[in-house]
Amino acid sequence: MITLTENAANKVKQLQEEKGGGGKLLRIFVESGGCSGFQYGMSFDLKNDGDRTLESAGVSFLMDDASIEYMKGSEIDFDDGLEGKGFEIRNPNAESTCGCGKSFN
């Protein structure tokens, strides 16, 4: 299960109002790249064949099966404080992460 904190859910709802529209949902994905081998990505998108619709903290989001496998048990937070990093993913499956917080191994 992938969970969003209250801060992350509130930010996603805000962004969805500003940018989503047209029935688009948040897509959370993992792709090859980054400085540690894989990197996280987020965008607003329409549902494609093979996507799963998940829900956490009142937010529905899209993920493909491969991304779900890489991110099982992850928590997504949003920090906009003085040293805020934006969205932060805490992934218990990551053996190591990069200092940027967006890539992992």
N, C-alpha and C. Protein backbone atom coordinates (compact mmCIF):
# COMPACT_ATOMS: atom_id res chain seq x y z
N MET A 1 0.84 -1.18 0.00
CA MET A 1 0.00 0.00 0.00
C MET A 1 0.88 1.25 0.00
N ILE A 2 0.50 2.21 -0.78
CA ILE A 2 1.20 3.49 -0.85
C ILE A 2 0.29 4.51 -0.16
N THR A 3 0.85 5.28 0.78
CA THR A 3 0.03 6.23 1.51
C THR A 3 0.53 7.65 1.31
N LEU A 4 -0.40 8.58 1.35
CA LEU A 4 -0.08 10.00 1.32
C LEU A 4 -0.37 10.58 2.70
N THR A 5 0.52 11.41 3.18
CA THR A 5 0.25 12.11 4.43
C THR A 5 -0.80 13.17 4.17
N GLU A 6 -1.31 13.75 5.23
CA GLU A 6 -2.30 14.82 5.09
C GLU A 6 -1.72 16.00 4.32
N ASN A 7 -0.45 16.35 4.60
CA ASN A 7 0.20 17.46 3.87
C ASN A 7 0.29 17.16 2.38
N ALA A 8 0.68 15.93 2.04
CA ALA A 8 0.80 15.55 0.63
C ALA A 8 -0.57 15.56 -0.05
N ALA A 9 -1.57 15.01 0.62
CA ALA A 9 -2.91 14.97 0.04
C ALA A 9 -3.45 16.37 -0.21
N ASN A 10 -3.24 17.27 0.75
CA ASN A 10 -3.70 18.65 0.57
C ASN A 10 -3.02 19.33 -0.61
N LYS A 11 -1.71 19.09 -0.76
CA LYS A 11 -0.97 19.70 -1.87
C LYS A 11 -1.44 19.13 -3.21
N VAL A 12 -1.67 17.82 -3.26
CA VAL A 12 -2.14 17.20 -4.49
C VAL A 12 -3.50 17.78 -4.88
N LYS A 13 -4.40 17.92 -3.91
CA LYS A 13 -5.72 18.50 -4.19
C LYS A 13 -5.59 19.91 -4.73
N GLN A 14 -4.70 20.70 -4.14
CA GLN A 14 -4.46 22.08 -4.60
C GLN A 14 -3.95 22.07 -6.04
N LEU A 15 -2.94 21.25 -6.31
CA LEU A 15 -2.37 21.17 -7.65
C LEU A 15 -3.38 20.65 -8.67
N GLN A 16 -4.20 19.71 -8.23
CA GLN A 16 -5.19 19.14 -9.15
C GLN A 16 -6.20 20.21 -9.55
N GLU A 17 -6.58 21.07 -8.61
CA GLU A 17 -7.49 22.16 -8.94
C GLU A 17 -6.84 23.12 -9.93
N GLU A 18 -5.55 23.39 -9.74
CA GLU A 18 -4.83 24.33 -10.58
C GLU A 18 -4.48 23.76 -11.95
N LYS A 19 -4.06 22.49 -11.99
CA LYS A 19 -3.49 21.93 -13.21
C LYS A 19 -4.19 20.70 -13.76
N GLY A 20 -4.85 19.96 -12.89
CA GLY A 20 -5.42 18.67 -13.30
C GLY A 20 -6.49 18.82 -14.35
N GLY A 21 -7.69 19.05 -13.91
CA GLY A 21 -8.81 19.25 -14.82
C GLY A 21 -9.00 18.12 -15.79
N GLY A 22 -10.10 18.12 -16.48
CA GLY A 22 -10.35 17.16 -17.55
C GLY A 22 -10.33 15.72 -17.12
N GLY A 23 -10.64 15.43 -15.85
CA GLY A 23 -10.66 14.06 -15.37
C GLY A 23 -9.29 13.46 -15.11
N LYS A 24 -8.25 14.28 -15.12
CA LYS A 24 -6.90 13.77 -14.88
C LYS A 24 -6.68 13.52 -13.39
N LEU A 25 -5.95 12.46 -13.11
CA LEU A 25 -5.57 12.10 -11.75
C LEU A 25 -4.06 12.17 -11.61
N LEU A 26 -3.62 12.21 -10.38
CA LEU A 26 -2.18 12.16 -10.12
C LEU A 26 -1.66 10.80 -10.54
N ARG A 27 -0.57 10.78 -11.29
CA ARG A 27 0.13 9.54 -11.64
C ARG A 27 1.44 9.53 -10.88
N ILE A 28 1.70 8.45 -10.15
CA ILE A 28 2.96 8.26 -9.42
C ILE A 28 3.66 7.09 -10.10
N PHE A 29 4.93 7.29 -10.46
CA PHE A 29 5.61 6.23 -11.21
C PHE A 29 7.09 6.16 -10.86
N VAL A 30 7.68 5.03 -11.22
CA VAL A 30 9.11 4.79 -11.10
C VAL A 30 9.62 4.52 -12.50
N GLU A 31 10.76 5.14 -12.84
CA GLU A 31 11.37 4.89 -14.15
C GLU A 31 12.88 4.79 -14.00
N SER A 32 13.53 4.21 -14.98
CA SER A 32 14.98 4.12 -14.98
C SER A 32 15.56 5.52 -15.10
N GLY A 33 16.66 5.75 -14.39
CA GLY A 33 17.32 7.05 -14.48
C GLY A 33 17.71 7.56 -13.11
N GLY A 34 18.07 8.81 -13.07
CA GLY A 34 18.51 9.41 -11.82
C GLY A 34 19.92 8.97 -11.50
N CYS A 35 20.44 9.49 -10.41
CA CYS A 35 21.83 9.19 -10.06
C CYS A 35 21.97 7.88 -9.27
N SER A 36 20.85 7.22 -8.93
CA SER A 36 20.94 5.98 -8.18
C SER A 36 20.34 4.78 -8.90
N GLY A 37 19.92 4.93 -10.14
CA GLY A 37 19.41 3.82 -10.92
C GLY A 37 17.94 3.93 -11.29
N PHE A 38 17.11 4.37 -10.34
CA PHE A 38 15.68 4.58 -10.59
C PHE A 38 15.31 5.95 -10.05
N GLN A 39 14.24 6.50 -10.62
CA GLN A 39 13.79 7.79 -10.11
C GLN A 39 12.26 7.80 -10.04
N TYR A 40 11.75 8.59 -9.10
CA TYR A 40 10.32 8.76 -8.93
C TYR A 40 9.82 9.86 -9.85
N GLY A 41 8.58 9.76 -10.24
CA GLY A 41 7.96 10.81 -11.02
C GLY A 41 6.50 10.97 -10.65
N MET A 42 5.99 12.16 -10.86
CA MET A 42 4.58 12.46 -10.62
C MET A 42 4.10 13.40 -11.72
N SER A 43 2.88 13.18 -12.18
CA SER A 43 2.27 14.05 -13.17
C SER A 43 0.77 13.86 -13.08
N PHE A 44 0.02 14.74 -13.73
CA PHE A 44 -1.42 14.54 -13.84
C PHE A 44 -1.69 13.95 -15.21
N ASP A 45 -2.52 12.90 -15.22
CA ASP A 45 -2.69 12.14 -16.45
C ASP A 45 -4.06 11.46 -16.44
N LEU A 46 -4.48 11.02 -17.61
CA LEU A 46 -5.68 10.20 -17.74
C LEU A 46 -5.31 8.75 -17.54
N LYS A 47 -6.25 7.95 -17.12
CA LYS A 47 -6.01 6.53 -16.88
C LYS A 47 -5.73 5.81 -18.20
N ASN A 48 -4.69 4.98 -18.21
CA ASN A 48 -4.33 4.15 -19.36
C ASN A 48 -4.65 2.70 -19.07
N ASP A 49 -4.70 1.88 -20.11
CA ASP A 49 -4.85 0.44 -19.91
C ASP A 49 -3.71 -0.05 -19.04
N GLY A 50 -4.02 -0.89 -18.09
CA GLY A 50 -3.00 -1.44 -17.21
C GLY A 50 -2.75 -0.62 -15.95
N ASP A 51 -3.31 0.58 -15.88
CA ASP A 51 -3.17 1.40 -14.67
C ASP A 51 -4.09 0.88 -13.58
N ARG A 52 -3.66 1.07 -12.37
CA ARG A 52 -4.51 0.79 -11.21
C ARG A 52 -4.83 2.12 -10.55
N THR A 53 -6.05 2.28 -10.09
CA THR A 53 -6.45 3.47 -9.36
C THR A 53 -6.41 3.14 -7.88
N LEU A 54 -5.57 3.86 -7.15
CA LEU A 54 -5.43 3.67 -5.72
C LEU A 54 -5.96 4.91 -5.02
N GLU A 55 -6.13 4.82 -3.70
CA GLU A 55 -6.65 5.95 -2.94
C GLU A 55 -5.98 6.00 -1.58
N SER A 56 -5.66 7.22 -1.16
CA SER A 56 -5.11 7.45 0.17
C SER A 56 -5.45 8.88 0.58
N ALA A 57 -5.86 9.05 1.81
CA ALA A 57 -6.16 10.37 2.38
C ALA A 57 -7.13 11.17 1.51
N GLY A 58 -8.09 10.47 0.89
CA GLY A 58 -9.08 11.15 0.07
C GLY A 58 -8.62 11.53 -1.32
N VAL A 59 -7.45 11.06 -1.73
CA VAL A 59 -6.91 11.36 -3.06
C VAL A 59 -6.81 10.07 -3.87
N SER A 60 -7.42 10.07 -5.05
CA SER A 60 -7.27 8.94 -5.97
C SER A 60 -6.06 9.22 -6.85
N PHE A 61 -5.26 8.18 -7.12
CA PHE A 61 -4.09 8.34 -7.96
C PHE A 61 -3.86 7.08 -8.77
N LEU A 62 -3.10 7.24 -9.86
CA LEU A 62 -2.82 6.16 -10.80
C LEU A 62 -1.41 5.62 -10.61
N MET A 63 -1.27 4.30 -10.76
CA MET A 63 0.05 3.67 -10.76
C MET A 63 0.00 2.44 -11.65
N ASP A 64 1.13 2.12 -12.27
CA ASP A 64 1.24 0.86 -13.01
C ASP A 64 1.77 -0.20 -12.04
N ASP A 65 1.59 -1.46 -12.40
CA ASP A 65 1.97 -2.56 -11.51
C ASP A 65 3.46 -2.56 -11.14
N ALA A 66 4.32 -2.25 -12.10
CA ALA A 66 5.77 -2.26 -11.82
C ALA A 66 6.12 -1.19 -10.79
N SER A 67 5.54 -0.01 -10.91
CA SER A 67 5.82 1.07 -9.96
C SER A 67 5.30 0.70 -8.57
N ILE A 68 4.14 0.06 -8.53
CA ILE A 68 3.59 -0.38 -7.24
C ILE A 68 4.56 -1.33 -6.56
N GLU A 69 5.13 -2.26 -7.32
CA GLU A 69 6.08 -3.23 -6.73
C GLU A 69 7.29 -2.52 -6.12
N TYR A 70 7.83 -1.54 -6.83
CA TYR A 70 8.99 -0.80 -6.32
C TYR A 70 8.66 0.03 -5.09
N MET A 71 7.39 0.44 -4.98
CA MET A 71 7.03 1.41 -3.94
C MET A 71 6.15 0.85 -2.83
N LYS A 72 5.94 -0.47 -2.78
CA LYS A 72 5.10 -1.06 -1.74
C LYS A 72 5.52 -0.57 -0.36
N GLY A 73 4.55 -0.11 0.42
CA GLY A 73 4.82 0.33 1.78
C GLY A 73 5.35 1.76 1.88
N SER A 74 5.43 2.47 0.76
CA SER A 74 5.97 3.83 0.76
C SER A 74 4.97 4.84 1.31
N GLU A 75 5.53 5.90 1.87
CA GLU A 75 4.74 7.03 2.34
C GLU A 75 5.22 8.27 1.59
N ILE A 76 4.26 9.04 1.10
CA ILE A 76 4.58 10.27 0.38
C ILE A 76 4.15 11.45 1.23
N ASP A 77 5.09 12.35 1.49
CA ASP A 77 4.84 13.52 2.31
C ASP A 77 5.13 14.76 1.47
N PHE A 78 4.68 15.91 1.95
CA PHE A 78 5.00 17.18 1.31
C PHE A 78 5.48 18.13 2.37
N ASP A 79 6.65 18.73 2.14
CA ASP A 79 7.24 19.67 3.08
C ASP A 79 7.49 20.99 2.37
N ASP A 80 6.85 22.03 2.83
CA ASP A 80 7.05 23.35 2.22
C ASP A 80 7.61 24.35 3.22
N GLY A 81 8.27 23.84 4.26
CA GLY A 81 8.88 24.71 5.27
C GLY A 81 10.10 25.44 4.72
N LEU A 82 10.86 26.04 5.62
CA LEU A 82 12.03 26.83 5.22
C LEU A 82 13.01 26.03 4.37
N GLU A 83 13.21 24.78 4.73
CA GLU A 83 14.12 23.93 3.95
C GLU A 83 13.34 22.83 3.25
N GLY A 84 12.09 23.14 2.93
CA GLY A 84 11.21 22.15 2.33
C GLY A 84 11.75 21.61 1.02
N LYS A 85 11.53 20.34 0.82
CA LYS A 85 12.00 19.67 -0.39
C LYS A 85 10.87 19.41 -1.37
N GLY A 86 9.66 19.83 -1.04
CA GLY A 86 8.52 19.48 -1.87
C GLY A 86 8.04 18.09 -1.49
N PHE A 87 7.70 17.28 -2.48
CA PHE A 87 7.26 15.92 -2.20
C PHE A 87 8.45 15.07 -1.81
N GLU A 88 8.27 14.29 -0.76
CA GLU A 88 9.32 13.40 -0.26
C GLU A 88 8.75 12.00 -0.15
N ILE A 89 9.43 11.04 -0.74
CA ILE A 89 8.98 9.65 -0.72
C ILE A 89 9.86 8.84 0.21
N ARG A 90 9.22 8.23 1.18
CA ARG A 90 9.92 7.34 2.12
C ARG A 90 9.61 5.91 1.69
N ASN A 91 10.59 5.28 1.04
CA ASN A 91 10.40 3.97 0.44
C ASN A 91 11.20 2.92 1.21
N PRO A 92 10.52 2.01 1.92
CA PRO A 92 11.24 0.98 2.68
C PRO A 92 11.96 -0.03 1.80
N ASN A 93 11.68 -0.06 0.51
CA ASN A 93 12.32 -1.01 -0.41
C ASN A 93 13.61 -0.48 -1.01
N ALA A 94 13.88 0.81 -0.83
CA ALA A 94 15.08 1.41 -1.42
C ALA A 94 16.30 1.02 -0.60
N GLU A 95 17.29 0.44 -1.28
CA GLU A 95 18.54 0.07 -0.61
C GLU A 95 19.36 1.30 -0.31
N SER A 96 19.32 2.28 -1.21
CA SER A 96 20.01 3.55 -1.01
C SER A 96 19.25 4.62 -1.77
N THR A 97 19.43 5.86 -1.34
CA THR A 97 18.79 6.98 -2.02
C THR A 97 19.83 8.05 -2.29
N CYS A 98 19.51 8.89 -3.23
CA CYS A 98 20.40 9.99 -3.59
C CYS A 98 20.08 11.20 -2.70
N GLY A 99 21.00 12.11 -2.60
CA GLY A 99 20.79 13.30 -1.81
C GLY A 99 19.63 14.14 -2.30
N CYS A 100 19.29 14.02 -3.56
CA CYS A 100 18.18 14.81 -4.11
C CYS A 100 16.83 14.28 -3.64
N GLY A 101 16.79 13.03 -3.17
CA GLY A 101 15.56 12.44 -2.69
C GLY A 101 14.63 11.96 -3.78
N LYS A 102 15.03 12.07 -5.04
CA LYS A 102 14.16 11.67 -6.13
C LYS A 102 14.63 10.40 -6.84
N SER A 103 15.79 9.88 -6.46
CA SER A 103 16.26 8.66 -7.08
C SER A 103 16.68 7.66 -6.00
N PHE A 104 16.67 6.39 -6.38
CA PHE A 104 16.97 5.32 -5.41
C PHE A 104 17.52 4.10 -6.13
N ASN A 105 17.98 3.16 -5.34
CA ASN A 105 18.52 1.91 -5.84
C ASN A 105 17.86 0.79 -5.06
